[in-house]
Amino acid sequence: MLVGWITRFIQNCRSMKENRSKGELTASEFGKAELIIFRIVQKETFQGEDNKKLKFPSVYKDEDGLLRVKTKIIYRKDTENFRKPVLLLSEHEVVSRWISFHHEKNSHCGVQTLINNL
């Protein structure tokens, strides 16, 4: 959420006074903030394209510059994020805290429920 506010501040500084955004963050601003966080995590995790973890044919870079994984359900009529999830390693501190947050938020649910929620 903080990244969303920072991004809005930067955008507002670059805009004319009458074009500035006000009020609560919008869904698109949350989406942009999420993409920024994903890029930072991937940049810190995968220091180069020649990383051994990226040698699988199912890993590719999307139009936003994010590494994604093609799953077996690629032809299913569902959201892009469900069919082709963003590649994030659980060893990264941000990802680890994100998993812990959702685990606690969902009353310490089991592994399968947590994976479905994430």
Protein backbone atom coordinates (compact mmCIF):
# COMPACT_ATOMS: atom_id res chain seq x y z
CA MET A 1 0.00 0.00 0.00
CA LEU A 2 2.87 2.35 0.80
CA VAL A 3 4.33 1.81 -2.67
CA GLY A 4 0.98 2.86 -4.14
CA TRP A 5 1.01 6.14 -2.20
CA ILE A 6 4.62 6.82 -3.18
CA THR A 7 3.82 6.13 -6.84
CA ARG A 8 0.82 8.47 -6.67
CA PHE A 9 2.95 11.18 -5.07
CA ILE A 10 5.53 10.92 -7.86
CA GLN A 11 2.79 10.97 -10.50
CA ASN A 12 1.14 13.99 -8.88
CA CYS A 13 4.46 15.84 -8.79
CA ARG A 14 4.80 15.33 -12.53
CA SER A 15 1.20 16.37 -13.29
CA MET A 16 -0.52 19.71 -13.55
CA LYS A 17 -2.42 20.72 -10.42
CA GLU A 18 -5.86 20.07 -11.95
CA ASN A 19 -4.84 16.57 -13.14
CA ARG A 20 -3.63 15.30 -9.76
CA SER A 21 -5.22 12.24 -8.16
CA LYS A 22 -6.96 12.62 -4.81
CA GLY A 23 -8.77 10.37 -2.36
CA GLU A 24 -8.26 6.68 -1.78
CA LEU A 25 -5.99 4.60 -3.99
CA THR A 26 -7.69 3.05 -6.99
CA ALA A 27 -7.51 -0.58 -8.06
CA SER A 28 -5.19 0.32 -10.95
CA GLU A 29 -2.84 2.11 -8.52
CA PHE A 30 -2.76 -1.01 -6.34
CA GLY A 31 -2.01 -3.08 -9.44
CA LYS A 32 0.86 -0.79 -10.45
CA ALA A 33 2.28 -0.94 -6.93
CA GLU A 34 2.09 -4.74 -6.98
CA LEU A 35 3.99 -4.84 -10.29
CA ILE A 36 6.69 -2.58 -8.84
CA ILE A 37 7.10 -4.86 -5.82
CA PHE A 38 7.23 -7.95 -8.04
CA ARG A 39 9.93 -6.35 -10.22
CA ILE A 40 12.03 -5.44 -7.17
CA VAL A 41 11.75 -8.95 -5.72
CA GLN A 42 12.63 -10.58 -9.04
CA LYS A 43 15.56 -8.22 -9.60
CA GLU A 44 16.98 -9.07 -6.18
CA THR A 45 16.28 -12.80 -6.54
CA PHE A 46 17.36 -13.40 -10.12
CA GLN A 47 20.52 -11.35 -10.64
CA GLY A 48 20.77 -12.45 -14.26
CA GLU A 49 18.88 -14.29 -16.95
CA ASP A 50 21.51 -17.05 -16.89
CA ASN A 51 20.39 -18.14 -13.41
CA LYS A 52 19.88 -21.93 -13.08
CA LYS A 53 16.38 -21.36 -11.73
CA LEU A 54 15.33 -19.80 -15.04
CA LYS A 55 16.49 -22.55 -17.40
CA PHE A 56 13.09 -24.26 -17.54
CA PRO A 57 11.11 -23.85 -20.78
CA SER A 58 8.01 -22.92 -18.79
CA VAL A 59 9.60 -19.67 -17.51
CA TYR A 60 9.20 -16.60 -19.72
CA LYS A 61 9.21 -12.81 -19.47
CA ASP A 62 5.84 -11.09 -20.02
CA GLU A 63 5.08 -7.68 -21.53
CA ASP A 64 5.53 -5.98 -18.12
CA GLY A 65 9.03 -7.44 -17.77
CA LEU A 66 8.00 -9.95 -15.09
CA LEU A 67 9.11 -13.56 -15.08
CA ARG A 68 6.10 -15.88 -15.21
CA VAL A 69 5.55 -19.63 -15.25
CA LYS A 70 3.36 -21.34 -17.83
CA THR A 71 1.24 -23.86 -15.94
CA LYS A 72 -0.55 -26.95 -17.19
CA ILE A 73 -3.83 -25.06 -17.16
CA ILE A 74 -2.64 -22.48 -19.69
CA TYR A 75 -5.65 -22.97 -22.00
CA ARG A 76 -8.24 -22.72 -19.24
CA LYS A 77 -10.55 -19.71 -19.40
CA ASP A 78 -9.38 -17.95 -16.27
CA THR A 79 -7.35 -14.88 -15.32
CA GLU A 80 -3.85 -14.45 -16.68
CA ASN A 81 -2.40 -14.32 -13.16
CA PHE A 82 -3.99 -17.69 -12.35
CA ARG A 83 -2.89 -19.45 -15.54
CA LYS A 84 0.56 -17.88 -15.66
CA PRO A 85 1.63 -16.85 -12.12
CA VAL A 86 4.51 -14.49 -11.40
CA LEU A 87 7.70 -16.33 -10.43
CA LEU A 88 8.66 -15.44 -6.85
CA LEU A 89 10.99 -17.44 -4.61
CA SER A 90 9.88 -17.98 -1.03
CA GLU A 91 13.42 -17.31 0.23
CA HIS A 92 13.00 -13.57 -0.39
CA GLU A 93 12.03 -11.61 2.74
CA VAL A 94 9.08 -9.84 1.07
CA VAL A 95 7.62 -13.10 -0.24
CA SER A 96 8.15 -14.84 3.09
CA ARG A 97 6.33 -12.06 4.95
CA TRP A 98 3.55 -12.03 2.36
CA ILE A 99 2.98 -15.77 2.85
CA SER A 100 3.05 -15.37 6.65
CA PHE A 101 0.58 -12.48 6.49
CA HIS A 102 -1.94 -14.50 4.46
CA HIS A 103 -1.41 -17.57 6.64
CA GLU A 104 -2.31 -15.58 9.76
CA LYS A 105 -5.09 -13.64 8.01
CA ASN A 106 -6.77 -16.94 7.08
CA SER A 107 -6.67 -18.28 10.67
CA HIS A 108 -3.54 -20.40 10.17
CA CYS A 109 -5.12 -22.36 7.34
CA GLY A 110 -3.54 -25.44 5.80
CA VAL A 111 -1.06 -25.46 2.96
CA GLN A 112 -3.56 -26.15 0.14
CA THR A 113 -5.95 -23.43 1.32
CA LEU A 114 -3.08 -20.96 1.64
CA ILE A 115 -1.82 -21.75 -1.86
CA ASN A 116 -5.32 -21.27 -3.27
CA ASN A 117 -5.70 -17.94 -1.46
CA LEU A 118 -2.33 -16.66 -2.63
